[in-house]
Amino acid sequence: MQIATWNINGVKARIGNLLHWLEDSSPDMVCLQEIKSVDENFPRLEIEALGYHVETHGQKGFNGVAILSKSTPDEVNRGLPGDDNDDQARFMEAVFSVDGSALRVVSLYLPNGNPVDSEKYPYKLTWMQRLEDWARQRLELEEPFVLAGDYNVIPEPADCHDPAAWEGDALYRPETRNAYRRLCNLGLTDAFRAVSGEPGMYSFWDYQAGAWQKNNGIRIDHLLLSPEAANRLVASSIEKHTRAWEKPSDHVPVVVTLDIPA
């Protein structure tokens, strides 16, 4: 089974690229972030025509996540628990019956947090604590799950072209990286780093200053696996060729292959 995450940076603006990629790569599940669309305006018909079931958790003009899957989920939960006043569409969980067990797949769009001297950075850290609490509870079920998304976290110096340029940024501050490390230390596995230590492998390149052409990127799109999912890890890859397409997202898909029947 192939599960992908992709910050699409506006599904209406990238629908041509998305459909082309779905036809070409044909992943079993896709977690999209930053769809920037309310649920009723999401271009589901075009995607359903390719054989995908569509679930969305949208928001007008901002944020928004979706899960596209070749099978229909048994359960869908929208919104990250822990704050009833948080109305930002950043988290959705879908549960599938596969191989005699439940497979939980989450599409998440973690807050950016900049500028750090505003309310946005405390919100990011609080959101990460809520995510850690959610993951701890789900781990007690001892089922395979995949936390897929744009984490807006650069975990290590090797995950960015120029670490010095990111000092003080919300994506790279020690508090951010420590919160991410605490999440992983619950027993989660970074799928891509588990199979590749290769430097210069990024998932985001800014539109400015020739970042793509210079490979001046960062790796902020991650798939974290529960132990039951990590035991079935076969491969993980970054499909960076999509960044060279016309009207690309500034992110590219990251894919994990699990030894689970599709």
Foldseek 3Di string as FASTA:
>chain_A
DKEKEWAQQACVLCVVVVLVCCVVVVGQKYKYKFNQDPPVPHPVVSVVVSQWDKDWQHDHRTIIMIMTHNDDFPDKDWDQPDDPPDNHGFKMWTWHCFPNFIEIEMEGDQQLCPPVVDPSPVVRLVVLVSVLVVVLVVVVVVGKYKYWYQSLAQQDPLQFPDVVVCVNGSRYDPSSNVSVVSSVVSAKDFLAVVADPDGLDAFFADPPDCCVVVSRHGHRTTIIIHPNQVVFWDHKDWPVVQVPDPSGDRGTMIMTDGPTDD
